[in-house]
């Protein structure tokens, strides 16, 4: 009878294990089903956000086009002329390297330069 009881207990444990697995599987199934609904809701939300951002981008593009239409070509020309004048002014402010005057450049003036002296230890 001990062997029969052990067999019955083992069979009862297997049945309980099968019931527990079935209950766990049902819980997992319900959790996955709720995730599907949640993911669908997130997809709808993201799609709405993407549509809104697309529309905002389109609106900004139209605003930019409108601003470009309003720019007067004479204003652009004045800005270009101003930029050119500023560049010319900046170039005129830069010191230029002035060459040393030579006797040939200044009539009637003779420039005598002493001969270069050699420094000992410095070969030519």
PDB file of N, CA and C in Angstrom:
ATOM      1  N   UNK A   1       0.805  -1.172   0.000  1.00  0.00           N
ATOM      2  CA  UNK A   1       0.000   0.000   0.000  1.00  0.00           C
ATOM      3  C   UNK A   1       0.864   1.259   0.000  1.00  0.00           C
ATOM      4  N   UNK A   2       1.980   1.225   0.515  1.00  0.00           N
ATOM      5  CA  UNK A   2       2.890   2.340   0.555  1.00  0.00           C
ATOM      6  C   UNK A   2       3.299   2.722  -0.865  1.00  0.00           C
ATOM      7  N   UNK A   3       3.532   1.701  -1.656  1.00  0.00           N
ATOM      8  CA  UNK A   3       3.912   1.966  -3.033  1.00  0.00           C
ATOM      9  C   UNK A   3       2.748   2.585  -3.793  1.00  0.00           C
ATOM     10  N   UNK A   4       1.565   2.120  -3.524  1.00  0.00           N
ATOM     11  CA  UNK A   4       0.366   2.654  -4.165  1.00  0.00           C
ATOM     12  C   UNK A   4       0.120   4.096  -3.725  1.00  0.00           C
ATOM     13  N   UNK A   5       0.318   4.357  -2.423  1.00  0.00           N
ATOM     14  CA  UNK A   5       0.149   5.715  -1.922  1.00  0.00           C
ATOM     15  C   UNK A   5       1.192   6.645  -2.534  1.00  0.00           C
ATOM     16  N   UNK A   6       2.410   6.186  -2.653  1.00  0.00           N
ATOM     17  CA  UNK A   6       3.477   7.001  -3.232  1.00  0.00           C
ATOM     18  C   UNK A   6       3.158   7.308  -4.685  1.00  0.00           C
ATOM     19  N   UNK A   7       2.646   6.326  -5.396  1.00  0.00           N
ATOM     20  CA  UNK A   7       2.271   6.529  -6.785  1.00  0.00           C
ATOM     21  C   UNK A   7       1.126   7.527  -6.913  1.00  0.00           C
ATOM     22  N   UNK A   8       0.130   7.395  -6.004  1.00  0.00           N
ATOM     23  CA  UNK A   8      -1.001   8.326  -6.024  1.00  0.00           C
ATOM     24  C   UNK A   8      -0.558   9.749  -5.661  1.00  0.00           C
ATOM     25  N   UNK A   9       0.337   9.857  -4.713  1.00  0.00           N
ATOM     26  CA  UNK A   9       0.840  11.176  -4.316  1.00  0.00           C
ATOM     27  C   UNK A   9       1.628  11.822  -5.466  1.00  0.00           C
ATOM     28  N   UNK A  10       2.416  10.995  -6.131  1.00  0.00           N
ATOM     29  CA  UNK A  10       3.197  11.514  -7.262  1.00  0.00           C
ATOM     30  C   UNK A  10       2.257  11.972  -8.375  1.00  0.00           C
ATOM     31  N   UNK A  11       1.236  11.181  -8.639  1.00  0.00           N
ATOM     32  CA  UNK A  11       0.267  11.539  -9.676  1.00  0.00           C
ATOM     33  C   UNK A  11      -0.493  12.805  -9.282  1.00  0.00           C
ATOM     34  N   UNK A  12      -0.849  12.932  -8.013  1.00  0.00           N
ATOM     35  CA  UNK A  12      -1.539  14.120  -7.520  1.00  0.00           C
ATOM     36  C   UNK A  12      -0.631  15.348  -7.657  1.00  0.00           C
ATOM     37  N   UNK A  13       0.673  15.208  -7.369  1.00  0.00           N
ATOM     38  CA  UNK A  13       1.624  16.320  -7.476  1.00  0.00           C
ATOM     39  C   UNK A  13       1.747  16.760  -8.941  1.00  0.00           C
ATOM     40  N   UNK A  14       1.773  15.784  -9.846  1.00  0.00           N
ATOM     41  CA  UNK A  14       1.858  16.114 -11.275  1.00  0.00           C
ATOM     42  C   UNK A  14       0.607  16.857 -11.737  1.00  0.00           C
ATOM     43  N   UNK A  15      -0.538  16.442 -11.221  1.00  0.00           N
ATOM     44  CA  UNK A  15      -1.791  17.106 -11.593  1.00  0.00           C
ATOM     45  C   UNK A  15      -1.783  18.550 -11.079  1.00  0.00           C
ATOM     46  N   UNK A  16      -1.338  18.727  -9.840  1.00  0.00           N
ATOM     47  CA  UNK A  16      -1.281  20.073  -9.273  1.00  0.00           C
ATOM     48  C   UNK A  16      -0.274  20.946 -10.037  1.00  0.00           C
ATOM     49  N   UNK A  17       0.844  20.332 -10.429  1.00  0.00           N
ATOM     50  CA  UNK A  17       1.847  21.063 -11.214  1.00  0.00           C
ATOM     51  C   UNK A  17       1.265  21.477 -12.566  1.00  0.00           C
ATOM     52  N   UNK A  18       0.519  20.581 -13.186  1.00  0.00           N
ATOM     53  CA  UNK A  18      -0.107  20.895 -14.468  1.00  0.00           C
ATOM     54  C   UNK A  18      -1.117  22.022 -14.310  1.00  0.00           C
ATOM     55  N   UNK A  19      -1.892  22.000 -13.212  1.00  0.00           N
ATOM     56  CA  UNK A  19      -2.859  23.079 -12.948  1.00  0.00           C
ATOM     57  C   UNK A  19      -2.135  24.415 -12.716  1.00  0.00           C
ATOM     58  N   UNK A  20      -1.039  24.350 -11.962  1.00  0.00           N
ATOM     59  CA  UNK A  20      -0.273  25.569 -11.680  1.00  0.00           C
ATOM     60  C   UNK A  20       0.306  26.148 -12.981  1.00  0.00           C
ATOM     61  N   UNK A  21       0.845  25.267 -13.838  1.00  0.00           N
ATOM     62  CA  UNK A  21       1.384  25.727 -15.127  1.00  0.00           C
ATOM     63  C   UNK A  21       0.282  26.333 -15.994  1.00  0.00           C
ATOM     64  N   UNK A  22      -0.870  25.712 -15.981  1.00  0.00           N
ATOM     65  CA  UNK A  22      -1.986  26.224 -16.777  1.00  0.00           C
ATOM     66  C   UNK A  22      -2.406  27.600 -16.276  1.00  0.00           C
ATOM     67  N   UNK A  23      -2.461  27.767 -14.965  1.00  0.00           N
ATOM     68  CA  UNK A  23      -2.846  29.066 -14.393  1.00  0.00           C
ATOM     69  C   UNK A  23      -1.784  30.118 -14.735  1.00  0.00           C
ATOM     70  N   UNK A  24      -0.502  29.737 -14.646  1.00  0.00           N
ATOM     71  CA  UNK A  24       0.577  30.675 -14.979  1.00  0.00           C
ATOM     72  C   UNK A  24       0.510  31.053 -16.455  1.00  0.00           C
ATOM     73  N   UNK A  25       0.271  30.065 -17.316  1.00  0.00           N
ATOM     74  CA  UNK A  25       0.157  30.324 -18.745  1.00  0.00           C
ATOM     75  C   UNK A  25      -1.024  31.246 -19.045  1.00  0.00           C
ATOM     76  N   UNK A  26      -2.111  31.067 -18.324  1.00  0.00           N
ATOM     77  CA  UNK A  26      -3.268  31.948 -18.522  1.00  0.00           C
ATOM     78  C   UNK A  26      -2.930  33.381 -18.101  1.00  0.00           C
ATOM     79  N   UNK A  27      -2.202  33.521 -16.997  1.00  0.00           N
ATOM     80  CA  UNK A  27      -1.785  34.848 -16.539  1.00  0.00           C
ATOM     81  C   UNK A  27      -0.860  35.518 -17.561  1.00  0.00           C
ATOM     82  N   UNK A  28       0.072  34.723 -18.106  1.00  0.00           N
ATOM     83  CA  UNK A  28       0.972  35.271 -19.125  1.00  0.00           C
ATOM     84  C   UNK A  28       0.202  35.675 -20.386  1.00  0.00           C
ATOM     85  N   UNK A  29      -0.777  34.869 -20.731  1.00  0.00           N
ATOM     86  CA  UNK A  29      -1.589  35.194 -21.903  1.00  0.00           C
ATOM     87  C   UNK A  29      -2.354  36.488 -21.714  1.00  0.00           C
ATOM     88  N   UNK A  30      -2.922  36.665 -20.518  1.00  0.00           N
ATOM     89  CA  UNK A  30      -3.660  37.901 -20.243  1.00  0.00           C
ATOM     90  C   UNK A  30      -2.711  39.108 -20.242  1.00  0.00           C
ATOM     91  N   UNK A  31      -1.504  38.922 -19.678  1.00  0.00           N
ATOM     92  CA  UNK A  31      -0.528  40.011 -19.653  1.00  0.00           C
ATOM     93  C   UNK A  31      -0.116  40.394 -21.074  1.00  0.00           C
ATOM     94  N   UNK A  32       0.128  39.404 -21.909  1.00  0.00           N
ATOM     95  CA  UNK A  32       0.506  39.680 -23.294  1.00  0.00           C
ATOM     96  C   UNK A  32      -0.632  40.354 -24.059  1.00  0.00           C
ATOM     97  N   UNK A  33      -1.855  39.932 -23.792  1.00  0.00           N
ATOM     98  CA  UNK A  33      -3.004  40.551 -24.463  1.00  0.00           C
ATOM     99  C   UNK A  33      -3.127  42.024 -24.053  1.00  0.00           C
ATOM    100  N   UNK A  34      -2.880  42.303 -22.769  1.00  0.00           N
ATOM    101  CA  UNK A  34      -2.962  43.703 -22.334  1.00  0.00           C
ATOM    102  C   UNK A  34      -1.819  44.518 -22.935  1.00  0.00           C
ATOM    103  N   UNK A  35      -0.660  43.901 -23.135  1.00  0.00           N
ATOM    104  CA  UNK A  35       0.464  44.600 -23.771  1.00  0.00           C
ATOM    105  C   UNK A  35       0.136  44.931 -25.225  1.00  0.00           C
ATOM    106  N   UNK A  36      -0.577  44.050 -25.885  1.00  0.00           N
ATOM    107  CA  UNK A  36      -0.950  44.309 -27.282  1.00  0.00           C
ATOM    108  C   UNK A  36      -1.804  45.572 -27.333  1.00  0.00           C
ATOM    109  N   UNK A  37      -2.769  45.662 -26.454  1.00  0.00           N
ATOM    110  CA  UNK A  37      -3.636  46.842 -26.424  1.00  0.00           C
ATOM    111  C   UNK A  37      -2.821  48.097 -26.077  1.00  0.00           C
ATOM    112  N   UNK A  38      -1.909  47.951 -25.125  1.00  0.00           N
ATOM    113  CA  UNK A  38      -1.071  49.084 -24.730  1.00  0.00           C
ATOM    114  C   UNK A  38      -0.180  49.517 -25.902  1.00  0.00           C
ATOM    115  N   UNK A  39       0.408  48.553 -26.593  1.00  0.00           N
ATOM    116  CA  UNK A  39       1.260  48.873 -27.742  1.00  0.00           C
ATOM    117  C   UNK A  39       0.460  49.525 -28.869  1.00  0.00           C
ATOM    118  N   UNK A  40      -0.774  49.077 -29.045  1.00  0.00           N
ATOM    119  CA  UNK A  40      -1.626  49.699 -30.061  1.00  0.00           C
ATOM    120  C   UNK A  40      -1.934  51.142 -29.694  1.00  0.00           C
ATOM    121  N   UNK A  41      -2.192  51.383 -28.428  1.00  0.00           N
ATOM    122  CA  UNK A  41      -2.469  52.747 -27.973  1.00  0.00           C
ATOM    123  C   UNK A  41      -1.230  53.629 -28.152  1.00  0.00           C
ATOM    124  N   UNK A  42      -0.038  53.087 -27.845  1.00  0.00           N
ATOM    125  CA  UNK A  42       1.196  53.839 -28.046  1.00  0.00           C
ATOM    126  C   UNK A  42       1.426  54.148 -29.525  1.00  0.00           C
ATOM    127  N   UNK A  43       1.114  53.193 -30.382  1.00  0.00           N
ATOM    128  CA  UNK A  43       1.275  53.406 -31.819  1.00  0.00           C
ATOM    129  C   UNK A  43       0.359  54.520 -32.307  1.00  0.00           C
ATOM    130  N   UNK A  44      -0.869  54.531 -31.828  1.00  0.00           N
ATOM    131  CA  UNK A  44      -1.808  55.593 -32.214  1.00  0.00           C
ATOM    132  C   UNK A  44      -1.291  56.946 -31.724  1.00  0.00           C
ATOM    133  N   UNK A  45      -0.784  56.977 -30.505  1.00  0.00           N
ATOM    134  CA  UNK A  45      -0.261  58.219 -29.925  1.00  0.00           C
ATOM    135  C   UNK A  45       0.954  58.713 -30.723  1.00  0.00           C
ATOM    136  N   UNK A  46       1.859  57.802 -31.054  1.00  0.00           N
ATOM    137  CA  UNK A  46       3.054  58.189 -31.812  1.00  0.00           C
ATOM    138  C   UNK A  46       2.692  58.649 -33.220  1.00  0.00           C
ATOM    139  N   UNK A  47       1.722  58.002 -33.817  1.00  0.00           N
ATOM    140  CA  UNK A  47       1.292  58.399 -35.160  1.00  0.00           C
ATOM    141  C   UNK A  47       0.705  59.810 -35.116  1.00  0.00           C
ATOM    142  N   UNK A  48      -0.083  60.099 -34.089  1.00  0.00           N
ATOM    143  CA  UNK A  48      -0.668  61.437 -33.942  1.00  0.00           C
ATOM    144  C   UNK A  48       0.433  62.478 -33.735  1.00  0.00           C
ATOM    145  N   UNK A  49       1.441  62.138 -32.931  1.00  0.00           N
ATOM    146  CA  UNK A  49       2.560  63.056 -32.698  1.00  0.00           C
ATOM    147  C   UNK A  49       3.333  63.303 -33.995  1.00  0.00           C
ATOM    148  N   UNK A  50       3.580  62.261 -34.761  1.00  0.00           N
ATOM    149  CA  UNK A  50       4.299  62.409 -36.035  1.00  0.00           C
ATOM    150  C   UNK A  50       3.510  63.278 -37.002  1.00  0.00           C
ATOM    151  N   UNK A  51       2.208  63.093 -37.034  1.00  0.00           N
ATOM    152  CA  UNK A  51       1.358  63.908 -37.914  1.00  0.00           C
ATOM    153  C   UNK A  51       1.401  65.366 -37.481  1.00  0.00           C
ATOM    154  N   UNK A  52       1.326  65.601 -36.176  1.00  0.00           N
ATOM    155  CA  UNK A  52       1.370  66.973 -35.655  1.00  0.00           C
ATOM    156  C   UNK A  52       2.721  67.624 -35.985  1.00  0.00           C
ATOM    157  N   UNK A  53       3.823  66.892 -35.797  1.00  0.00           N
ATOM    158  CA  UNK A  53       5.149  67.444 -36.093  1.00  0.00           C
ATOM    159  C   UNK A  53       5.311  67.709 -37.587  1.00  0.00           C
ATOM    160  N   UNK A  54       4.749  66.843 -38.405  1.00  0.00           N
ATOM    161  CA  UNK A  54       4.803  67.057 -39.856  1.00  0.00           C
ATOM    162  C   UNK A  54       4.051  68.334 -40.232  1.00  0.00           C
ATOM    163  N   UNK A  55       2.880  68.511 -39.652  1.00  0.00           N
ATOM    164  CA  UNK A  55       2.089  69.713 -39.934  1.00  0.00           C
ATOM    165  C   UNK A  55       2.796  70.971 -39.444  1.00  0.00           C
ATOM    166  N   UNK A  56       3.457  70.904 -38.277  1.00  0.00           N
ATOM    167  CA  UNK A  56       4.202  72.051 -37.767  1.00  0.00           C
ATOM    168  C   UNK A  56       5.365  72.382 -38.705  1.00  0.00           C
ATOM    169  N   UNK A  57       6.032  71.352 -39.201  1.00  0.00           N
ATOM    170  CA  UNK A  57       7.129  71.570 -40.142  1.00  0.00           C
ATOM    171  C   UNK A  57       6.645  72.211 -41.425  1.00  0.00           C
ATOM    172  N   UNK A  58       5.516  71.760 -41.906  1.00  0.00           N
ATOM    173  CA  UNK A  58       4.936  72.334 -43.118  1.00  0.00           C
ATOM    174  C   UNK A  58       4.559  73.798 -42.882  1.00  0.00           C
ATOM    175  N   UNK A  59       3.985  74.083 -41.725  1.00  0.00           N
ATOM    176  CA  UNK A  59       3.620  75.462 -41.386  1.00  0.00           C
ATOM    177  C   UNK A  59       4.866  76.345 -41.337  1.00  0.00           C
ATOM    178  N   UNK A  60       5.934  75.868 -40.719  1.00  0.00           N
ATOM    179  CA  UNK A  60       7.174  76.641 -40.650  1.00  0.00           C
ATOM    180  C   UNK A  60       7.746  76.884 -42.038  1.00  0.00           C
ATOM    181  N   UNK A  61       7.647  75.895 -42.909  1.00  0.00           N
ATOM    182  CA  UNK A  61       8.124  76.039 -44.284  1.00  0.00           C
ATOM    183  C   UNK A  61       7.329  77.125 -45.010  1.00  0.00           C
ATOM    184  N   UNK A  62       6.015  77.107 -44.855  1.00  0.00           N
ATOM    185  CA  UNK A  62       5.167  78.112 -45.500  1.00  0.00           C
ATOM    186  C   UNK A  62       5.484  79.501 -44.951  1.00  0.00           C
ATOM    187  N   UNK A  63       5.711  79.597 -43.637  1.00  0.00           N
ATOM    188  CA  UNK A  63       6.078  80.884 -43.040  1.00  0.00           C
ATOM    189  C   UNK A  63       7.396  81.389 -43.629  1.00  0.00           C
ATOM    190  N   UNK A  64       8.349  80.498 -43.807  1.00  0.00           N
ATOM    191  CA  UNK A  64       9.637  80.894 -44.383  1.00  0.00           C
ATOM    192  C   UNK A  64       9.464  81.388 -45.805  1.00  0.00           C
ATOM    193  N   UNK A  65       8.635  80.706 -46.571  1.00  0.00           N
ATOM    194  CA  UNK A  65       8.375  81.146 -47.944  1.00  0.00           C
ATOM    195  C   UNK A  65       7.738  82.528 -47.951  1.00  0.00           C
ATOM    196  N   UNK A  66       6.815  82.754 -47.036  1.00  0.00           N
ATOM    197  CA  UNK A  66       6.138  84.048 -46.950  1.00  0.00           C
ATOM    198  C   UNK A  66       7.142  85.141 -46.600  1.00  0.00           C
ATOM    199  N   UNK A  67       8.034  84.869 -45.667  1.00  0.00           N
ATOM    200  CA  UNK A  67       9.054  85.847 -45.292  1.00  0.00           C
ATOM    201  C   UNK A  67       9.973  86.130 -46.477  1.00  0.00           C
ATOM    202  N   UNK A  68      10.320  85.112 -47.233  1.00  0.00           N
ATOM    203  CA  UNK A  68      11.174  85.300 -48.401  1.00  0.00           C
ATOM    204  C   UNK A  68      10.477  86.160 -49.444  1.00  0.00           C
ATOM    205  N   UNK A  69       9.175  86.009 -49.571  1.00  0.00           N
ATOM    206  CA  UNK A  69       8.416  86.837 -50.510  1.00  0.00           C
ATOM    207  C   UNK A  69       8.440  88.299 -50.099  1.00  0.00           C
ATOM    208  N   UNK A  70       8.431  88.548 -48.801  1.00  0.00           N
ATOM    209  CA  UNK A  70       8.353  89.910 -48.295  1.00  0.00           C
ATOM    210  C   UNK A  70       9.681  90.659 -48.386  1.00  0.00           C
ATOM    211  N   UNK A  71      10.782  89.957 -48.584  1.00  0.00           N
ATOM    212  CA  UNK A  71      12.076  90.619 -48.657  1.00  0.00           C
ATOM    213  C   UNK A  71      12.155  91.393 -49.969  1.00  0.00           C
ATOM    214  N   UNK A  72      12.438  92.659 -49.857  1.00  0.00           N
ATOM    215  CA  UNK A  72      12.541  93.526 -51.023  1.00  0.00           C
ATOM    216  C   UNK A  72      13.927  93.341 -51.638  1.00  0.00           C
ATOM    217  N   UNK A  73      13.979  93.192 -52.956  1.00  0.00           N
ATOM    218  CA  UNK A  73      15.252  92.996 -53.631  1.00  0.00           C
ATOM    219  C   UNK A  73      16.168  94.197 -53.432  1.00  0.00           C
ATOM    220  N   UNK A  74      15.603  95.393 -53.288  1.00  0.00           N
ATOM    221  CA  UNK A  74      16.429  96.569 -53.045  1.00  0.00           C
ATOM    222  C   UNK A  74      17.128  96.468 -51.687  1.00  0.00           C
ATOM    223  N   UNK A  75      16.455  95.868 -50.715  1.00  0.00           N
ATOM    224  CA  UNK A  75      17.083  95.688 -49.410  1.00  0.00           C
ATOM    225  C   UNK A  75      18.274  94.736 -49.526  1.00  0.00           C
ATOM    226  N   UNK A  76      18.096  93.692 -50.297  1.00  0.00           N
ATOM    227  CA  UNK A  76      19.188  92.728 -50.483  1.00  0.00           C
ATOM    228  C   UNK A  76      20.371  93.412 -51.168  1.00  0.00           C
ATOM    229  N   UNK A  77      20.086  94.215 -52.190  1.00  0.00           N
ATOM    230  CA  UNK A  77      21.142  94.916 -52.907  1.00  0.00           C
ATOM    231  C   UNK A  77      21.887  95.860 -51.951  1.00  0.00           C
ATOM    232  N   UNK A  78      21.157  96.566 -51.088  1.00  0.00           N
ATOM    233  CA  UNK A  78      21.793  97.468 -50.125  1.00  0.00           C
ATOM    234  C   UNK A  78      22.686  96.688 -49.152  1.00  0.00           C
ATOM    235  N   UNK A  79      22.210  95.528 -48.734  1.00  0.00           N
ATOM    236  CA  UNK A  79      23.008  94.708 -47.819  1.00  0.00           C
ATOM    237  C   UNK A  79      24.291  94.237 -48.483  1.00  0.00           C
ATOM    238  N   UNK A  80      24.199  93.858 -49.756  1.00  0.00           N
ATOM    239  CA  UNK A  80      25.391  93.416 -50.488  1.00  0.00           C
ATOM    240  C   UNK A  80      26.374  94.575 -50.637  1.00  0.00           C
ATOM    241  N   UNK A  81      25.878  95.768 -50.954  1.00  0.00           N
ATOM    242  CA  UNK A  81      26.735  96.934 -51.093  1.00  0.00           C
ATOM    243  C   UNK A  81      27.391  97.290 -49.751  1.00  0.00           C
ATOM    244  N   UNK A  82      26.631  97.186 -48.689  1.00  0.00           N
ATOM    245  CA  UNK A  82      27.172  97.464 -47.359  1.00  0.00           C
ATOM    246  C   UNK A  82      28.288  96.473 -47.018  1.00  0.00           C
ATOM    247  N   UNK A  83      28.056  95.197 -47.322  1.00  0.00           N
ATOM    248  CA  UNK A  83      29.073  94.182 -47.040  1.00  0.00           C
ATOM    249  C   UNK A  83      30.334  94.452 -47.852  1.00  0.00           C
ATOM    250  N   UNK A  84      30.191  94.854 -49.108  1.00  0.00           N
ATOM    251  CA  UNK A  84      31.348  95.157 -49.946  1.00  0.00           C
ATOM    252  C   UNK A  84      32.101  96.376 -49.402  1.00  0.00           C
ATOM    253  N   UNK A  85      31.374  97.401 -48.967  1.00  0.00           N
ATOM    254  CA  UNK A  85      32.012  98.598 -48.414  1.00  0.00           C
ATOM    255  C   UNK A  85      32.773  98.263 -47.135  1.00  0.00           C
ATOM    256  N   UNK A  86      32.196  97.422 -46.302  1.00  0.00           N
ATOM    257  CA  UNK A  86      32.875  97.025 -45.063  1.00  0.00           C
ATOM    258  C   UNK A  86      34.154  96.263 -45.380  1.00  0.00           C
ATOM    259  N   UNK A  87      34.091  95.386 -46.364  1.00  0.00           N
ATOM    260  CA  UNK A  87      35.273  94.610 -46.749  1.00  0.00           C
ATOM    261  C   UNK A  87      36.366  95.541 -47.269  1.00  0.00           C
ATOM    262  N   UNK A  88      35.979  96.503 -48.083  1.00  0.00           N
ATOM    263  CA  UNK A  88      36.938  97.466 -48.633  1.00  0.00           C
ATOM    264  C   UNK A  88      37.564  98.289 -47.506  1.00  0.00           C
ATOM    265  N   UNK A  89      36.744  98.708 -46.538  1.00  0.00           N
ATOM    266  CA  UNK A  89      37.243  99.484 -45.402  1.00  0.00           C
ATOM    267  C   UNK A  89      38.240  98.664 -44.589  1.00  0.00           C
ATOM    268  N   UNK A  90      37.912  97.405 -44.325  1.00  0.00           N
ATOM    269  CA  UNK A  90      38.801  96.544 -43.546  1.00  0.00           C
ATOM    270  C   UNK A  90      40.125  96.352 -44.257  1.00  0.00           C
ATOM    271  N   UNK A  91      40.084  96.204 -45.582  1.00  0.00           N
ATOM    272  CA  UNK A  91      41.314  96.019 -46.340  1.00  0.00           C
ATOM    273  C   UNK A  91      42.148  97.297 -46.320  1.00  0.00           C
ATOM    274  N   UNK A  92      41.507  98.445 -46.318  1.00  0.00           N
ATOM    275  CA  UNK A  92      42.254  99.709 -46.302  1.00  0.00           C
ATOM    276  C   UNK A  92      42.897  99.953 -44.943  1.00  0.00           C
ATOM    277  N   UNK A  93      42.378  99.341 -43.893  1.00  0.00           N
ATOM    278  CA  UNK A  93      42.908  99.531 -42.549  1.00  0.00           C
ATOM    279  C   UNK A  93      44.094  98.636 -42.252  1.00  0.00           C
ATOM    280  N   UNK A  94      44.322  97.621 -43.065  1.00  0.00           N
ATOM    281  CA  UNK A  94      45.435  96.705 -42.831  1.00  0.00           C
ATOM    282  C   UNK A  94      46.716  97.379 -43.292  1.00  0.00           C
ATOM    283  N   UNK A  95      47.763  97.378 -42.444  1.00  0.00           N
ATOM    284  CA  UNK A  95      49.025  98.004 -42.851  1.00  0.00           C
ATOM    285  C   UNK A  95      49.667  97.190 -43.969  1.00  0.00           C
ATOM    286  N   UNK A  96      50.121  97.911 -44.985  1.00  0.00           N
ATOM    287  CA  UNK A  96      50.773  97.243 -46.096  1.00  0.00           C
ATOM    288  C   UNK A  96      52.273  97.341 -45.876  1.00  0.00           C
ATOM    289  N   UNK A  97      52.992  96.340 -46.320  1.00  0.00           N
ATOM    290  CA  UNK A  97      54.440  96.349 -46.209  1.00  0.00           C
ATOM    291  C   UNK A  97      54.978  97.373 -47.211  1.00  0.00           C
ATOM    292  N   UNK A  98      55.675  98.384 -46.687  1.00  0.00           N
ATOM    293  CA  UNK A  98      56.198  99.432 -47.559  1.00  0.00           C
ATOM    294  C   UNK A  98      57.629  99.075 -47.928  1.00  0.00           C
ATOM    295  N   UNK A  99      57.942  99.066 -49.231  1.00  0.00           N
ATOM    296  CA  UNK A  99      59.315  98.752 -49.637  1.00  0.00           C
ATOM    297  C   UNK A  99      60.244  99.904 -49.278  1.00  0.00           C
ATOM    298  N   UNK A 100      61.507  99.556 -48.992  1.00  0.00           N
ATOM    299  CA  UNK A 100      62.490 100.583 -48.694  1.00  0.00           C
ATOM    300  C   UNK A 100      62.779 101.377 -49.952  1.00  0.00           C
ATOM    301  N   UNK A 101      62.828 102.679 -49.853  1.00  0.00           N
ATOM    302  CA  UNK A 101      63.121 103.459 -51.052  1.00  0.00           C
ATOM    303  C   UNK A 101      64.564 103.238 -51.487  1.00  0.00           C
ATOM    304  N   UNK A 102      64.755 103.161 -52.777  1.00  0.00           N
ATOM    305  CA  UNK A 102      66.102 103.022 -53.314  1.00  0.00           C
ATOM    306  C   UNK A 102      66.463 104.326 -54.013  1.00  0.00           C
ATOM    307  N   UNK A 103      67.736 104.470 -54.351  1.00  0.00           N
ATOM    308  CA  UNK A 103      68.200 105.693 -54.998  1.00  0.00           C
ATOM    309  C   UNK A 103      67.518 105.876 -56.337  1.00  0.00           C
ATOM    310  N   UNK A 104      67.146 104.792 -56.948  1.00  0.00           N
ATOM    311  CA  UNK A 104      66.490 104.882 -58.245  1.00  0.00           C
ATOM    312  C   UNK A 104      65.063 105.405 -58.095  1.00  0.00           C
ATOM    313  N   UNK A 105      64.440 105.151 -56.960  1.00  0.00           N
ATOM    314  CA  UNK A 105      63.062 105.566 -56.755  1.00  0.00           C
ATOM    315  C   UNK A 105      62.960 107.048 -56.388  1.00  0.00           C
ATOM    316  N   UNK A 106      63.971 107.605 -55.739  1.00  0.00           N
ATOM    317  CA  UNK A 106      63.922 108.997 -55.315  1.00  0.00           C
ATOM    318  C   UNK A 106      64.966 109.771 -56.113  1.00  0.00           C
ATOM    319  N   UNK A 107      64.511 110.605 -57.059  1.00  0.00           N
ATOM    320  CA  UNK A 107      65.484 111.346 -57.870  1.00  0.00           C
ATOM    321  C   UNK A 107      66.254 112.363 -57.028  1.00  0.00           C
ATOM    322  N   UNK A 108      67.531 112.437 -57.279  1.00  0.00           N
ATOM    323  CA  UNK A 108      68.376 113.403 -56.593  1.00  0.00           C
ATOM    324  C   UNK A 108      68.817 112.967 -55.222  1.00  0.00           C
ATOM    325  N   UNK A 109      68.459 111.772 -54.777  1.00  0.00           N
ATOM    326  CA  UNK A 109      68.846 111.297 -53.451  1.00  0.00           C
ATOM    327  C   UNK A 109      69.695 110.063 -53.633  1.00  0.00           C
ATOM    328  N   UNK A 110      70.874 110.109 -52.990  1.00  0.00           N
ATOM    329  CA  UNK A 110      71.779 108.972 -53.084  1.00  0.00           C
ATOM    330  C   UNK A 110      71.833 108.322 -51.711  1.00  0.00           C
ATOM    331  N   UNK A 111      71.589 107.047 -51.659  1.00  0.00           N
ATOM    332  CA  UNK A 111      71.599 106.337 -50.377  1.00  0.00           C
ATOM    333  C   UNK A 111      72.864 105.506 -50.326  1.00  0.00           C
ATOM    334  N   UNK A 112      73.699 105.827 -49.375  1.00  0.00           N
ATOM    335  CA  UNK A 112      74.937 105.073 -49.188  1.00  0.00           C
ATOM    336  C   UNK A 112      74.747 104.185 -47.969  1.00  0.00           C
ATOM    337  N   UNK A 113      74.867 102.905 -48.193  1.00  0.00           N
ATOM    338  CA  UNK A 113      74.758 101.966 -47.074  1.00  0.00           C
ATOM    339  C   UNK A 113      76.141 101.428 -46.798  1.00  0.00           C
ATOM    340  N   UNK A 114      76.502 101.338 -45.509  1.00  0.00           N
ATOM    341  CA  UNK A 114      77.827 100.787 -45.196  1.00  0.00           C
ATOM    342  C   UNK A 114      77.866  99.316 -45.589  1.00  0.00           C
ATOM    343  N   UNK A 115      79.033  98.819 -45.961  1.00  0.00           N
ATOM    344  CA  UNK A 115      79.129  97.400 -46.326  1.00  0.00           C
ATOM    345  C   UNK A 115      78.805  96.518 -45.123  1.00  0.00           C
ATOM    346  N   UNK A 116      78.220  95.397 -45.395  1.00  0.00           N
ATOM    347  CA  UNK A 116      77.845  94.476 -44.322  1.00  0.00           C
ATOM    348  C   UNK A 116      79.100  93.907 -43.684  1.00  0.00           C
ATOM    349  N   UNK A 117      79.129  93.876 -42.356  1.00  0.00           N
ATOM    350  CA  UNK A 117      80.270  93.348 -41.638  1.00  0.00           C
ATOM    351  C   UNK A 117      80.036  91.874 -41.362  1.00  0.00           C
ATOM    352  N   UNK A 118      81.113  91.132 -41.460  1.00  0.00           N
ATOM    353  CA  UNK A 118      80.998  89.703 -41.162  1.00  0.00           C
ATOM    354  C   UNK A 118      81.134  89.502 -39.670  1.00  0.00           C
ATOM    355  N   UNK A 119      80.345  88.637 -39.137  1.00  0.00           N
ATOM    356  CA  UNK A 119      80.408  88.296 -37.731  1.00  0.00           C
ATOM    357  C   UNK A 119      81.291  87.071 -37.610  1.00  0.00           C
ATOM    358  N   UNK A 120      82.285  87.098 -36.720  1.00  0.00           N
ATOM    359  CA  UNK A 120      83.160  85.922 -36.592  1.00  0.00           C
ATOM    360  C   UNK A 120      82.338  84.688 -36.220  1.00  0.00           C
ATOM    361  N   UNK A 121      82.644  83.598 -36.855  1.00  0.00           N
ATOM    362  CA  UNK A 121      81.946  82.346 -36.571  1.00  0.00           C
ATOM    363  C   UNK A 121      80.727  82.164 -37.440  1.00  0.00           C
ATOM    364  N   UNK A 122      80.369  83.167 -38.169  1.00  0.00           N
ATOM    365  CA  UNK A 122      79.199  83.087 -39.040  1.00  0.00           C
ATOM    366  C   UNK A 122      79.717  83.143 -40.462  1.00  0.00           C
ATOM    367  N   UNK A 123      79.660  82.077 -41.118  1.00  0.00           N
ATOM    368  CA  UNK A 123      80.161  82.057 -42.489  1.00  0.00           C
ATOM    369  C   UNK A 123      79.098  82.495 -43.467  1.00  0.00           C
ATOM    370  N   UNK A 124      79.579  83.012 -44.597  1.00  0.00           N
ATOM    371  CA  UNK A 124      78.627  83.401 -45.635  1.00  0.00           C
ATOM    372  C   UNK A 124      78.456  82.299 -46.598  1.00  0.00           C
TER     373      UNK A 124
END
